[in-house]
Amino acid sequence: MSKVDVFSQEAKKVKTMDLSDEVFGIEPNQQAIYDAVLVYQAGLRQGTHNTLTRAYVSGTGKKPFRQKGTGRARQGSTRATQWRGGAIAFGPHPRKYGYKLNRKVRQLALRSALSEKLQGENLTVLENLNFDEMKTKKAVALMKAFEFDRKTLFVADASEDYDNAYISMRNIPNALVVCVEELNVYDIVNADKIVFTEAAATTAGEVFA
């Protein structure tokens, strides 16, 4: 078990807790992390691009000029790709870019990303993320107390009351609040700092093990 400090929202140490070595203490597998991020980004692509083939381009089916005797290359249709206003050759068509990753690889990638953050001293544990009111000012004060001035990912547990914190941080461009069950490798890698609540860290150690 890895021991980490637990802080209050004022950045004061209140106690220590144990983190699961199966989730936060493994040797990071860079290939698994890379594959998981690739899958996530591929899934974001809409794949709605489309180009017109000669079957769909407006135009006549009439031969533009006679076959022989003009000194020009023979042509059968003005809808061919070499004509202005004609079809597009080998253009993109609707498709799905997403693909699946094996469950064990997904789990390994998640554990690797979390372990990498802890080893790089970029993981912090908060006592809780409960705000008594919805105030962006409170969220800014929390960020300043810990000197979080870059992308910060806050992770809370579903059993906690973090709605006020979630709404308070919506207007902060470099802060994101997610539930531990919604955690994904891309968000972890994309963040400079990751902040777990004590309950979320415990849940992560149980769910991702």
N, C-alpha and C. Protein backbone atom coordinates (compact mmCIF):
# COMPACT_ATOMS: atom_id res chain seq x y z
N MET A 1 0.83 -1.20 0.00
CA MET A 1 0.00 0.00 0.00
C MET A 1 0.87 1.26 0.00
N SER A 2 0.53 2.20 -0.86
CA SER A 2 1.24 3.47 -0.91
C SER A 2 0.55 4.47 0.01
N LYS A 3 1.31 5.10 0.87
CA LYS A 3 0.73 6.09 1.79
C LYS A 3 0.81 7.48 1.15
N VAL A 4 -0.31 8.20 1.19
CA VAL A 4 -0.36 9.57 0.66
C VAL A 4 -1.02 10.47 1.70
N ASP A 5 -0.70 11.73 1.60
CA ASP A 5 -1.30 12.71 2.50
C ASP A 5 -2.69 13.10 2.00
N VAL A 6 -3.58 13.33 2.94
CA VAL A 6 -4.93 13.81 2.63
C VAL A 6 -5.02 15.26 3.10
N PHE A 7 -5.47 16.14 2.19
CA PHE A 7 -5.50 17.57 2.49
C PHE A 7 -6.94 18.09 2.61
N SER A 8 -7.06 19.17 3.35
CA SER A 8 -8.34 19.89 3.40
C SER A 8 -8.41 20.81 2.19
N GLN A 9 -9.54 21.47 1.99
CA GLN A 9 -9.69 22.38 0.86
C GLN A 9 -8.82 23.62 1.01
N GLU A 10 -8.27 23.85 2.20
CA GLU A 10 -7.36 24.97 2.43
C GLU A 10 -5.91 24.55 2.25
N ALA A 11 -5.70 23.33 1.69
CA ALA A 11 -4.36 22.80 1.42
C ALA A 11 -3.58 22.48 2.69
N LYS A 12 -4.29 22.13 3.76
CA LYS A 12 -3.65 21.74 5.00
C LYS A 12 -3.75 20.23 5.17
N LYS A 13 -2.65 19.60 5.54
CA LYS A 13 -2.64 18.16 5.73
C LYS A 13 -3.48 17.79 6.95
N VAL A 14 -4.41 16.85 6.76
CA VAL A 14 -5.27 16.44 7.87
C VAL A 14 -4.99 15.00 8.33
N LYS A 15 -4.52 14.16 7.41
CA LYS A 15 -4.21 12.77 7.76
C LYS A 15 -3.50 12.10 6.58
N THR A 16 -3.26 10.81 6.69
CA THR A 16 -2.70 10.03 5.59
C THR A 16 -3.64 8.87 5.30
N MET A 17 -3.54 8.34 4.10
CA MET A 17 -4.35 7.18 3.72
C MET A 17 -3.54 6.25 2.83
N ASP A 18 -4.00 5.02 2.73
CA ASP A 18 -3.33 4.02 1.89
C ASP A 18 -4.03 3.95 0.53
N LEU A 19 -3.23 3.94 -0.53
CA LEU A 19 -3.75 3.74 -1.88
C LEU A 19 -3.40 2.34 -2.35
N SER A 20 -4.29 1.73 -3.10
CA SER A 20 -4.07 0.38 -3.59
C SER A 20 -2.89 0.33 -4.56
N ASP A 21 -1.92 -0.54 -4.27
CA ASP A 21 -0.76 -0.69 -5.16
C ASP A 21 -1.16 -1.33 -6.48
N GLU A 22 -2.25 -2.08 -6.51
CA GLU A 22 -2.71 -2.70 -7.75
C GLU A 22 -3.20 -1.66 -8.75
N VAL A 23 -3.63 -0.52 -8.25
CA VAL A 23 -4.17 0.53 -9.12
C VAL A 23 -3.20 1.70 -9.24
N PHE A 24 -2.58 2.10 -8.15
CA PHE A 24 -1.75 3.30 -8.14
C PHE A 24 -0.25 3.00 -8.05
N GLY A 25 0.12 1.74 -7.98
CA GLY A 25 1.53 1.44 -7.76
C GLY A 25 2.15 0.47 -8.74
N ILE A 26 1.62 0.37 -9.97
CA ILE A 26 2.18 -0.57 -10.94
C ILE A 26 3.21 0.14 -11.83
N GLU A 27 3.95 -0.64 -12.58
CA GLU A 27 4.87 -0.07 -13.58
C GLU A 27 4.02 0.34 -14.79
N PRO A 28 3.99 1.63 -15.13
CA PRO A 28 3.13 2.09 -16.23
C PRO A 28 3.46 1.43 -17.56
N ASN A 29 2.43 0.97 -18.24
CA ASN A 29 2.59 0.38 -19.57
C ASN A 29 2.26 1.46 -20.61
N GLN A 30 3.29 2.01 -21.24
CA GLN A 30 3.09 3.13 -22.15
C GLN A 30 2.29 2.74 -23.40
N GLN A 31 2.47 1.51 -23.86
CA GLN A 31 1.74 1.08 -25.05
C GLN A 31 0.24 1.00 -24.78
N ALA A 32 -0.13 0.50 -23.60
CA ALA A 32 -1.54 0.42 -23.23
C ALA A 32 -2.15 1.82 -23.13
N ILE A 33 -1.41 2.76 -22.53
CA ILE A 33 -1.88 4.14 -22.43
C ILE A 33 -2.09 4.73 -23.81
N TYR A 34 -1.11 4.53 -24.69
CA TYR A 34 -1.18 5.06 -26.06
C TYR A 34 -2.41 4.51 -26.79
N ASP A 35 -2.62 3.20 -26.68
CA ASP A 35 -3.75 2.56 -27.36
C ASP A 35 -5.08 3.08 -26.83
N ALA A 36 -5.19 3.27 -25.52
CA ALA A 36 -6.44 3.74 -24.92
C ALA A 36 -6.76 5.17 -25.36
N VAL A 37 -5.73 6.02 -25.42
CA VAL A 37 -5.94 7.41 -25.87
C VAL A 37 -6.34 7.43 -27.34
N LEU A 38 -5.72 6.57 -28.13
CA LEU A 38 -6.04 6.49 -29.56
C LEU A 38 -7.49 6.07 -29.78
N VAL A 39 -7.93 5.08 -29.01
CA VAL A 39 -9.32 4.62 -29.10
C VAL A 39 -10.29 5.73 -28.72
N TYR A 40 -9.97 6.47 -27.65
CA TYR A 40 -10.83 7.56 -27.20
C TYR A 40 -10.95 8.64 -28.27
N GLN A 41 -9.82 9.04 -28.84
CA GLN A 41 -9.84 10.10 -29.84
C GLN A 41 -10.52 9.65 -31.13
N ALA A 42 -10.32 8.38 -31.49
CA ALA A 42 -10.97 7.86 -32.69
C ALA A 42 -12.48 7.85 -32.53
N GLY A 43 -12.94 7.58 -31.30
CA GLY A 43 -14.37 7.56 -31.04
C GLY A 43 -15.02 8.92 -31.12
N LEU A 44 -14.22 9.98 -31.01
CA LEU A 44 -14.76 11.34 -31.09
C LEU A 44 -15.03 11.77 -32.53
N ARG A 45 -14.42 11.09 -33.48
CA ARG A 45 -14.58 11.48 -34.88
C ARG A 45 -15.98 11.12 -35.37
N GLN A 46 -16.64 12.06 -36.03
CA GLN A 46 -18.01 11.83 -36.47
C GLN A 46 -18.09 10.94 -37.70
N GLY A 47 -17.15 11.08 -38.59
CA GLY A 47 -17.15 10.25 -39.80
C GLY A 47 -18.30 10.55 -40.74
N THR A 48 -18.80 11.80 -40.72
CA THR A 48 -19.94 12.17 -41.58
C THR A 48 -19.49 12.79 -42.90
N HIS A 49 -18.19 12.83 -43.15
CA HIS A 49 -17.70 13.42 -44.40
C HIS A 49 -18.19 12.61 -45.60
N ASN A 50 -18.46 13.30 -46.68
CA ASN A 50 -18.97 12.61 -47.86
C ASN A 50 -18.64 13.41 -49.11
N THR A 51 -18.30 12.73 -50.18
CA THR A 51 -18.06 13.37 -51.48
C THR A 51 -18.93 12.70 -52.53
N LEU A 52 -19.19 13.41 -53.60
CA LEU A 52 -20.08 12.90 -54.66
C LEU A 52 -19.30 12.08 -55.68
N THR A 53 -19.80 10.90 -55.96
CA THR A 53 -19.25 10.10 -57.06
C THR A 53 -19.96 10.53 -58.35
N ARG A 54 -19.56 10.01 -59.46
CA ARG A 54 -20.15 10.43 -60.74
C ARG A 54 -21.61 10.01 -60.85
N ALA A 55 -22.03 9.08 -60.01
CA ALA A 55 -23.44 8.67 -60.02
C ALA A 55 -24.34 9.74 -59.40
N TYR A 56 -23.76 10.64 -58.60
CA TYR A 56 -24.56 11.62 -57.87
C TYR A 56 -24.32 13.06 -58.33
N VAL A 57 -23.36 13.29 -59.22
CA VAL A 57 -23.08 14.63 -59.69
C VAL A 57 -24.12 15.04 -60.74
N SER A 58 -24.58 16.29 -60.65
CA SER A 58 -25.55 16.79 -61.64
C SER A 58 -24.87 16.93 -63.00
N GLY A 59 -25.57 16.56 -64.03
CA GLY A 59 -25.02 16.69 -65.38
C GLY A 59 -25.72 15.76 -66.34
N THR A 60 -25.48 15.98 -67.59
CA THR A 60 -26.12 15.16 -68.63
C THR A 60 -25.36 13.87 -68.85
N GLY A 61 -26.01 12.93 -69.44
CA GLY A 61 -25.36 11.68 -69.80
C GLY A 61 -24.89 11.69 -71.24
N LYS A 62 -25.08 12.84 -71.89
CA LYS A 62 -24.72 12.97 -73.31
C LYS A 62 -23.20 13.03 -73.47
N LYS A 63 -22.72 12.41 -74.53
CA LYS A 63 -21.30 12.47 -74.84
C LYS A 63 -20.96 13.91 -75.25
N PRO A 64 -19.94 14.53 -74.66
CA PRO A 64 -19.69 15.96 -74.89
C PRO A 64 -19.29 16.30 -76.34
N PHE A 65 -18.59 15.42 -77.01
CA PHE A 65 -18.25 15.62 -78.43
C PHE A 65 -17.95 14.26 -79.05
N ARG A 66 -17.88 14.24 -80.36
CA ARG A 66 -17.74 12.95 -81.04
C ARG A 66 -16.42 12.28 -80.70
N GLN A 67 -16.40 10.98 -80.90
CA GLN A 67 -15.26 10.16 -80.48
C GLN A 67 -13.98 10.50 -81.25
N LYS A 68 -14.09 10.65 -82.55
CA LYS A 68 -12.88 10.79 -83.36
C LYS A 68 -12.90 12.09 -84.17
N GLY A 69 -11.74 12.50 -84.56
CA GLY A 69 -11.63 13.60 -85.50
C GLY A 69 -11.47 14.98 -84.90
N THR A 70 -11.54 15.09 -83.59
CA THR A 70 -11.44 16.44 -83.00
C THR A 70 -10.01 16.76 -82.56
N GLY A 71 -9.17 15.76 -82.48
CA GLY A 71 -7.82 15.97 -82.00
C GLY A 71 -7.74 16.03 -80.48
N ARG A 72 -8.83 15.81 -79.84
CA ARG A 72 -8.87 15.84 -78.37
C ARG A 72 -9.02 14.44 -77.81
N ALA A 73 -8.73 14.30 -76.57
CA ALA A 73 -8.87 13.00 -75.93
C ALA A 73 -10.35 12.63 -75.88
N ARG A 74 -10.66 11.37 -76.08
CA ARG A 74 -12.05 10.93 -76.07
C ARG A 74 -12.67 11.10 -74.68
N GLN A 75 -13.91 11.53 -74.67
CA GLN A 75 -14.64 11.77 -73.43
C GLN A 75 -16.03 11.16 -73.53
N GLY A 76 -16.47 10.55 -72.42
CA GLY A 76 -17.79 9.93 -72.43
C GLY A 76 -18.82 10.67 -71.60
N SER A 77 -18.36 11.54 -70.69
CA SER A 77 -19.31 12.22 -69.82
C SER A 77 -18.65 13.45 -69.20
N THR A 78 -19.44 14.48 -69.00
CA THR A 78 -18.93 15.68 -68.31
C THR A 78 -18.95 15.51 -66.80
N ARG A 79 -19.46 14.36 -66.34
CA ARG A 79 -19.50 14.10 -64.91
C ARG A 79 -18.26 13.35 -64.42
N ALA A 80 -17.33 13.09 -65.33
CA ALA A 80 -16.10 12.40 -64.95
C ALA A 80 -15.24 13.30 -64.06
N THR A 81 -14.29 12.71 -63.39
CA THR A 81 -13.51 13.43 -62.37
C THR A 81 -12.63 14.52 -62.94
N GLN A 82 -12.23 14.42 -64.20
CA GLN A 82 -11.32 15.41 -64.76
C GLN A 82 -12.03 16.68 -65.23
N TRP A 83 -13.36 16.67 -65.19
CA TRP A 83 -14.13 17.84 -65.62
C TRP A 83 -14.45 18.75 -64.45
N ARG A 84 -14.46 20.05 -64.72
CA ARG A 84 -14.86 21.00 -63.70
C ARG A 84 -16.33 20.76 -63.34
N GLY A 85 -16.62 20.65 -62.05
CA GLY A 85 -17.98 20.33 -61.63
C GLY A 85 -18.27 18.84 -61.66
N GLY A 86 -17.25 18.06 -61.98
CA GLY A 86 -17.44 16.61 -62.04
C GLY A 86 -17.30 15.95 -60.68
N ALA A 87 -17.20 14.64 -60.71
CA ALA A 87 -17.15 13.86 -59.47
C ALA A 87 -15.78 13.97 -58.80
N ILE A 88 -15.71 13.49 -57.56
CA ILE A 88 -14.46 13.42 -56.81
C ILE A 88 -13.96 11.97 -56.82
N ALA A 89 -12.72 11.81 -57.22
CA ALA A 89 -12.15 10.46 -57.26
C ALA A 89 -11.57 10.08 -55.91
N PHE A 90 -11.93 8.92 -55.42
CA PHE A 90 -11.38 8.36 -54.19
C PHE A 90 -11.58 9.28 -52.98
N GLY A 91 -12.69 10.02 -52.95
CA GLY A 91 -12.97 10.91 -51.84
C GLY A 91 -13.49 10.15 -50.64
N PRO A 92 -13.55 10.82 -49.47
CA PRO A 92 -14.04 10.17 -48.25
C PRO A 92 -15.55 9.96 -48.27
N HIS A 93 -15.99 8.93 -47.61
CA HIS A 93 -17.42 8.62 -47.49
C HIS A 93 -17.72 8.28 -46.03
N PRO A 94 -18.99 8.35 -45.62
CA PRO A 94 -19.32 8.10 -44.20
C PRO A 94 -18.77 6.77 -43.71
N ARG A 95 -18.18 6.82 -42.53
CA ARG A 95 -17.62 5.60 -41.93
C ARG A 95 -17.45 5.81 -40.43
N LYS A 96 -17.29 4.73 -39.71
CA LYS A 96 -17.04 4.80 -38.28
C LYS A 96 -15.55 4.59 -38.02
N TYR A 97 -14.98 5.50 -37.24
CA TYR A 97 -13.55 5.43 -36.94
C TYR A 97 -13.27 4.66 -35.66
N GLY A 98 -14.27 4.50 -34.83
CA GLY A 98 -14.07 3.86 -33.54
C GLY A 98 -13.72 2.39 -33.65
N TYR A 99 -12.97 1.91 -32.69
CA TYR A 99 -12.69 0.48 -32.60
C TYR A 99 -12.55 0.10 -31.14
N LYS A 100 -12.55 -1.17 -30.87
CA LYS A 100 -12.60 -1.64 -29.49
C LYS A 100 -11.21 -2.05 -29.00
N LEU A 101 -11.06 -1.93 -27.69
CA LEU A 101 -9.84 -2.34 -27.02
C LEU A 101 -10.21 -3.45 -26.04
N ASN A 102 -9.38 -4.44 -25.93
CA ASN A 102 -9.66 -5.53 -25.00
C ASN A 102 -9.83 -4.99 -23.57
N ARG A 103 -10.74 -5.59 -22.83
CA ARG A 103 -11.05 -5.13 -21.47
C ARG A 103 -9.81 -5.10 -20.59
N LYS A 104 -8.98 -6.12 -20.67
CA LYS A 104 -7.77 -6.16 -19.83
C LYS A 104 -6.79 -5.05 -20.19
N VAL A 105 -6.73 -4.71 -21.47
CA VAL A 105 -5.84 -3.63 -21.90
C VAL A 105 -6.38 -2.29 -21.41
N ARG A 106 -7.71 -2.11 -21.47
CA ARG A 106 -8.33 -0.88 -20.97
C ARG A 106 -8.04 -0.69 -19.48
N GLN A 107 -8.19 -1.77 -18.72
CA GLN A 107 -7.94 -1.69 -17.28
C GLN A 107 -6.46 -1.41 -17.00
N LEU A 108 -5.59 -2.07 -17.76
CA LEU A 108 -4.15 -1.85 -17.59
C LEU A 108 -3.79 -0.40 -17.91
N ALA A 109 -4.39 0.16 -18.94
CA ALA A 109 -4.11 1.54 -19.33
C ALA A 109 -4.55 2.51 -18.24
N LEU A 110 -5.71 2.26 -17.65
CA LEU A 110 -6.22 3.13 -16.59
C LEU A 110 -5.32 3.08 -15.36
N ARG A 111 -4.93 1.87 -14.97
CA ARG A 111 -4.04 1.72 -13.81
C ARG A 111 -2.67 2.34 -14.09
N SER A 112 -2.21 2.18 -15.34
CA SER A 112 -0.90 2.73 -15.71
C SER A 112 -0.91 4.26 -15.65
N ALA A 113 -1.99 4.86 -16.16
CA ALA A 113 -2.09 6.32 -16.16
C ALA A 113 -2.15 6.87 -14.73
N LEU A 114 -2.90 6.20 -13.86
CA LEU A 114 -2.99 6.64 -12.46
C LEU A 114 -1.66 6.46 -11.73
N SER A 115 -1.00 5.34 -11.98
CA SER A 115 0.30 5.08 -11.34
C SER A 115 1.33 6.10 -11.78
N GLU A 116 1.27 6.48 -13.06
CA GLU A 116 2.21 7.46 -13.60
C GLU A 116 2.02 8.82 -12.94
N LYS A 117 0.77 9.19 -12.70
CA LYS A 117 0.50 10.47 -12.03
C LYS A 117 1.03 10.46 -10.60
N LEU A 118 0.83 9.35 -9.91
CA LEU A 118 1.31 9.26 -8.52
C LEU A 118 2.83 9.28 -8.47
N GLN A 119 3.48 8.54 -9.37
CA GLN A 119 4.93 8.49 -9.40
C GLN A 119 5.54 9.84 -9.77
N GLY A 120 4.81 10.61 -10.58
CA GLY A 120 5.29 11.93 -10.97
C GLY A 120 4.90 13.01 -9.99
N GLU A 121 4.32 12.61 -8.85
CA GLU A 121 3.88 13.54 -7.80
C GLU A 121 2.86 14.56 -8.33
N ASN A 122 2.01 14.08 -9.21
CA ASN A 122 0.96 14.93 -9.79
C ASN A 122 -0.42 14.47 -9.35
N LEU A 123 -0.49 13.69 -8.27
CA LEU A 123 -1.76 13.21 -7.74
C LEU A 123 -1.92 13.71 -6.31
N THR A 124 -3.07 14.32 -6.04
CA THR A 124 -3.37 14.85 -4.71
C THR A 124 -4.68 14.26 -4.22
N VAL A 125 -4.77 14.05 -2.91
CA VAL A 125 -6.01 13.53 -2.32
C VAL A 125 -6.61 14.60 -1.40
N LEU A 126 -7.87 14.94 -1.67
CA LEU A 126 -8.61 15.90 -0.85
C LEU A 126 -9.52 15.17 0.13
N GLU A 127 -9.76 15.77 1.26
CA GLU A 127 -10.67 15.19 2.24
C GLU A 127 -12.06 15.06 1.64
N ASN A 128 -12.53 16.10 0.96
CA ASN A 128 -13.82 16.05 0.26
C ASN A 128 -13.88 17.21 -0.73
N LEU A 129 -14.92 17.21 -1.53
CA LEU A 129 -15.12 18.26 -2.52
C LEU A 129 -16.50 18.90 -2.33
N ASN A 130 -16.89 19.01 -1.07
CA ASN A 130 -18.21 19.56 -0.75
C ASN A 130 -18.14 21.08 -0.60
N PHE A 131 -18.93 21.78 -1.39
CA PHE A 131 -19.06 23.24 -1.27
C PHE A 131 -20.42 23.54 -0.66
N ASP A 132 -20.47 24.51 0.25
CA ASP A 132 -21.76 24.84 0.85
C ASP A 132 -22.63 25.70 -0.06
N GLU A 133 -22.04 26.24 -1.15
CA GLU A 133 -22.81 27.00 -2.12
C GLU A 133 -22.12 26.96 -3.47
N MET A 134 -22.88 27.34 -4.51
CA MET A 134 -22.32 27.36 -5.86
C MET A 134 -21.64 28.69 -6.10
N LYS A 135 -20.33 28.72 -5.95
CA LYS A 135 -19.56 29.95 -6.13
C LYS A 135 -18.26 29.63 -6.87
N THR A 136 -18.08 30.25 -8.03
CA THR A 136 -16.83 30.07 -8.75
C THR A 136 -15.66 30.58 -7.93
N LYS A 137 -15.92 31.59 -7.11
CA LYS A 137 -14.89 32.16 -6.25
C LYS A 137 -14.30 31.09 -5.32
N LYS A 138 -15.15 30.19 -4.83
CA LYS A 138 -14.68 29.13 -3.94
C LYS A 138 -13.77 28.16 -4.69
N ALA A 139 -14.17 27.85 -5.93
CA ALA A 139 -13.35 26.95 -6.74
C ALA A 139 -12.00 27.58 -7.05
N VAL A 140 -11.99 28.86 -7.36
CA VAL A 140 -10.74 29.57 -7.63
C VAL A 140 -9.85 29.59 -6.39
N ALA A 141 -10.45 29.79 -5.23
CA ALA A 141 -9.69 29.80 -3.97
C ALA A 141 -9.05 28.44 -3.71
N LEU A 142 -9.79 27.37 -4.03
CA LEU A 142 -9.26 26.02 -3.86
C LEU A 142 -8.06 25.79 -4.78
N MET A 143 -8.19 26.23 -6.02
CA MET A 143 -7.11 26.07 -6.99
C MET A 143 -5.87 26.86 -6.54
N LYS A 144 -6.08 28.07 -6.04
CA LYS A 144 -4.96 28.91 -5.62
C LYS A 144 -4.27 28.34 -4.38
N ALA A 145 -5.06 27.74 -3.47
CA ALA A 145 -4.49 27.17 -2.25
C ALA A 145 -3.47 26.07 -2.57
N PHE A 146 -3.76 25.30 -3.62
CA PHE A 146 -2.85 24.21 -4.02
C PHE A 146 -1.91 24.62 -5.15
N GLU A 147 -2.04 25.87 -5.60
CA GLU A 147 -1.23 26.38 -6.70
C GLU A 147 -1.44 25.57 -7.98
N PHE A 148 -2.71 25.21 -8.22
CA PHE A 148 -3.06 24.53 -9.47
C PHE A 148 -3.35 25.60 -10.53
N ASP A 149 -2.39 25.85 -11.39
CA ASP A 149 -2.60 26.88 -12.41
C ASP A 149 -2.66 26.30 -13.82
N ARG A 150 -2.60 24.99 -13.91
CA ARG A 150 -2.71 24.34 -15.22
C ARG A 150 -3.88 23.36 -15.19
N LYS A 151 -4.02 22.53 -16.22
CA LYS A 151 -5.17 21.62 -16.31
C LYS A 151 -5.24 20.71 -15.09
N THR A 152 -6.38 20.76 -14.41
CA THR A 152 -6.56 19.97 -13.19
C THR A 152 -7.84 19.16 -13.29
N LEU A 153 -7.73 17.87 -13.03
CA LEU A 153 -8.88 16.97 -13.07
C LEU A 153 -9.26 16.59 -11.65
N PHE A 154 -10.48 16.93 -11.25
CA PHE A 154 -11.00 16.58 -9.93
C PHE A 154 -11.89 15.35 -10.07
N VAL A 155 -11.65 14.36 -9.20
CA VAL A 155 -12.41 13.11 -9.26
C VAL A 155 -13.13 12.91 -7.93
N ALA A 156 -14.46 12.79 -8.01
CA ALA A 156 -15.27 12.60 -6.81
C ALA A 156 -16.00 11.26 -6.89
N ASP A 157 -16.53 10.82 -5.77
CA ASP A 157 -17.29 9.57 -5.73
C ASP A 157 -18.77 9.87 -5.88
N ALA A 158 -19.51 8.93 -6.47
CA ALA A 158 -20.94 9.13 -6.71
C ALA A 158 -21.73 9.32 -5.43
N SER A 159 -21.22 8.78 -4.33
CA SER A 159 -21.93 8.88 -3.05
C SER A 159 -21.77 10.26 -2.40
N GLU A 160 -20.85 11.07 -2.91
CA GLU A 160 -20.58 12.37 -2.32
C GLU A 160 -21.49 13.46 -2.90
N ASP A 161 -21.63 14.52 -2.14
CA ASP A 161 -22.40 15.68 -2.59
C ASP A 161 -21.43 16.69 -3.20
N TYR A 162 -21.16 16.53 -4.49
CA TYR A 162 -20.20 17.42 -5.15
C TYR A 162 -20.86 18.27 -6.25
N ASP A 163 -22.18 18.35 -6.24
CA ASP A 163 -22.89 19.11 -7.26
C ASP A 163 -22.49 20.59 -7.26
N ASN A 164 -22.39 21.18 -6.07
CA ASN A 164 -22.01 22.60 -5.98
C ASN A 164 -20.60 22.82 -6.51
N ALA A 165 -19.71 21.88 -6.23
CA ALA A 165 -18.33 22.00 -6.72
C ALA A 165 -18.30 21.86 -8.24
N TYR A 166 -19.10 20.95 -8.75
CA TYR A 166 -19.14 20.73 -10.20
C TYR A 166 -19.60 22.00 -10.93
N ILE A 167 -20.67 22.61 -10.42
CA ILE A 167 -21.19 23.83 -11.04
C ILE A 167 -20.23 25.00 -10.84
N SER A 168 -19.59 25.06 -9.69
CA SER A 168 -18.66 26.15 -9.40
C SER A 168 -17.44 26.13 -10.31
N MET A 169 -17.08 24.95 -10.79
CA MET A 169 -15.87 24.82 -11.61
C MET A 169 -16.13 24.84 -13.11
N ARG A 170 -17.41 24.93 -13.48
CA ARG A 170 -17.73 24.91 -14.91
C ARG A 170 -17.15 26.10 -15.66
N ASN A 171 -17.01 27.24 -14.98
CA ASN A 171 -16.51 28.45 -15.64
C ASN A 171 -14.99 28.57 -15.59
N ILE A 172 -14.34 27.59 -15.00
CA ILE A 172 -12.87 27.62 -14.94
C ILE A 172 -12.34 26.76 -16.08
N PRO A 173 -11.66 27.36 -17.05
CA PRO A 173 -11.26 26.63 -18.25
C PRO A 173 -10.28 25.49 -18.02
N ASN A 174 -9.46 25.58 -16.96
CA ASN A 174 -8.45 24.54 -16.74
C ASN A 174 -8.84 23.59 -15.60
N ALA A 175 -10.13 23.49 -15.29
CA ALA A 175 -10.60 22.57 -14.25
C ALA A 175 -11.75 21.71 -14.78
N LEU A 176 -11.74 20.45 -14.40
CA LEU A 176 -12.79 19.53 -14.82
C LEU A 176 -13.12 18.61 -13.65
N VAL A 177 -14.42 18.42 -13.39
CA VAL A 177 -14.86 17.54 -12.31
C VAL A 177 -15.60 16.34 -12.92
N VAL A 178 -15.18 15.14 -12.55
CA VAL A 178 -15.84 13.93 -13.03
C VAL A 178 -16.08 12.99 -11.87
N CYS A 179 -16.99 12.05 -12.08
CA CYS A 179 -17.24 10.98 -11.11
C CYS A 179 -16.22 9.87 -11.36
N VAL A 180 -15.81 9.17 -10.34
CA VAL A 180 -14.76 8.16 -10.48
C VAL A 180 -15.16 7.08 -11.48
N GLU A 181 -16.47 6.76 -11.59
CA GLU A 181 -16.92 5.75 -12.54
C GLU A 181 -16.79 6.23 -13.98
N GLU A 182 -16.70 7.56 -14.19
CA GLU A 182 -16.59 8.12 -15.54
C GLU A 182 -15.14 8.38 -15.94
N LEU A 183 -14.22 8.03 -15.09
CA LEU A 183 -12.81 8.32 -15.33
C LEU A 183 -12.31 7.57 -16.56
N ASN A 184 -11.56 8.27 -17.42
CA ASN A 184 -10.98 7.61 -18.59
C ASN A 184 -9.53 8.03 -18.75
N VAL A 185 -8.81 7.24 -19.52
CA VAL A 185 -7.36 7.43 -19.66
C VAL A 185 -7.03 8.78 -20.29
N TYR A 186 -7.81 9.20 -21.28
CA TYR A 186 -7.51 10.46 -21.96
C TYR A 186 -7.56 11.64 -20.99
N ASP A 187 -8.61 11.70 -20.17
CA ASP A 187 -8.73 12.81 -19.21
C ASP A 187 -7.57 12.82 -18.21
N ILE A 188 -7.13 11.63 -17.81
CA ILE A 188 -6.02 11.54 -16.86
C ILE A 188 -4.72 12.05 -17.50
N VAL A 189 -4.45 11.56 -18.72
CA VAL A 189 -3.22 11.94 -19.41
C VAL A 189 -3.25 13.42 -19.79
N ASN A 190 -4.42 13.92 -20.15
CA ASN A 190 -4.55 15.31 -20.60
C ASN A 190 -4.38 16.31 -19.46
N ALA A 191 -4.63 15.88 -18.24
CA ALA A 191 -4.53 16.78 -17.08
C ALA A 191 -3.10 16.84 -16.56
N ASP A 192 -2.70 18.02 -16.11
CA ASP A 192 -1.38 18.18 -15.49
C ASP A 192 -1.41 17.69 -14.05
N LYS A 193 -2.54 17.91 -13.38
CA LYS A 193 -2.72 17.45 -12.00
C LYS A 193 -4.05 16.71 -11.90
N ILE A 194 -4.07 15.67 -11.07
CA ILE A 194 -5.32 14.96 -10.82
C ILE A 194 -5.57 14.95 -9.31
N VAL A 195 -6.79 15.30 -8.93
CA VAL A 195 -7.14 15.43 -7.52
C VAL A 195 -8.30 14.48 -7.20
N PHE A 196 -8.05 13.52 -6.34
CA PHE A 196 -9.08 12.59 -5.89
C PHE A 196 -9.62 13.05 -4.54
N THR A 197 -10.90 12.85 -4.33
CA THR A 197 -11.40 12.95 -2.96
C THR A 197 -11.02 11.64 -2.28
N GLU A 198 -11.04 11.64 -0.97
CA GLU A 198 -10.66 10.44 -0.23
C GLU A 198 -11.57 9.26 -0.59
N ALA A 199 -12.87 9.54 -0.71
CA ALA A 199 -13.83 8.49 -1.07
C ALA A 199 -13.59 7.97 -2.47
N ALA A 200 -13.27 8.88 -3.41
CA ALA A 200 -13.03 8.48 -4.79
C ALA A 200 -11.78 7.64 -4.91
N ALA A 201 -10.74 7.97 -4.17
CA ALA A 201 -9.50 7.20 -4.19
C ALA A 201 -9.73 5.78 -3.67
N THR A 202 -10.55 5.67 -2.63
CA THR A 202 -10.89 4.34 -2.08
C THR A 202 -11.68 3.54 -3.10
N THR A 203 -12.66 4.18 -3.73
CA THR A 203 -13.49 3.49 -4.74
C THR A 203 -12.64 3.06 -5.93
N ALA A 204 -11.75 3.92 -6.38
CA ALA A 204 -10.88 3.59 -7.51
C ALA A 204 -10.03 2.35 -7.21
N GLY A 205 -9.54 2.28 -5.98
CA GLY A 205 -8.74 1.12 -5.58
C GLY A 205 -9.53 -0.17 -5.59
N GLU A 206 -10.84 -0.07 -5.39
CA GLU A 206 -11.70 -1.27 -5.40
C GLU A 206 -12.21 -1.60 -6.80
N VAL A 207 -12.61 -0.57 -7.55
CA VAL A 207 -13.24 -0.79 -8.86
C VAL A 207 -12.22 -1.16 -9.94
N PHE A 208 -11.06 -0.51 -9.94
CA PHE A 208 -10.08 -0.69 -11.01
C PHE A 208 -9.07 -1.77 -10.73
N ALA A 209 -9.12 -2.37 -9.56
CA ALA A 209 -8.14 -3.41 -9.21
C ALA A 209 -8.33 -4.66 -10.06
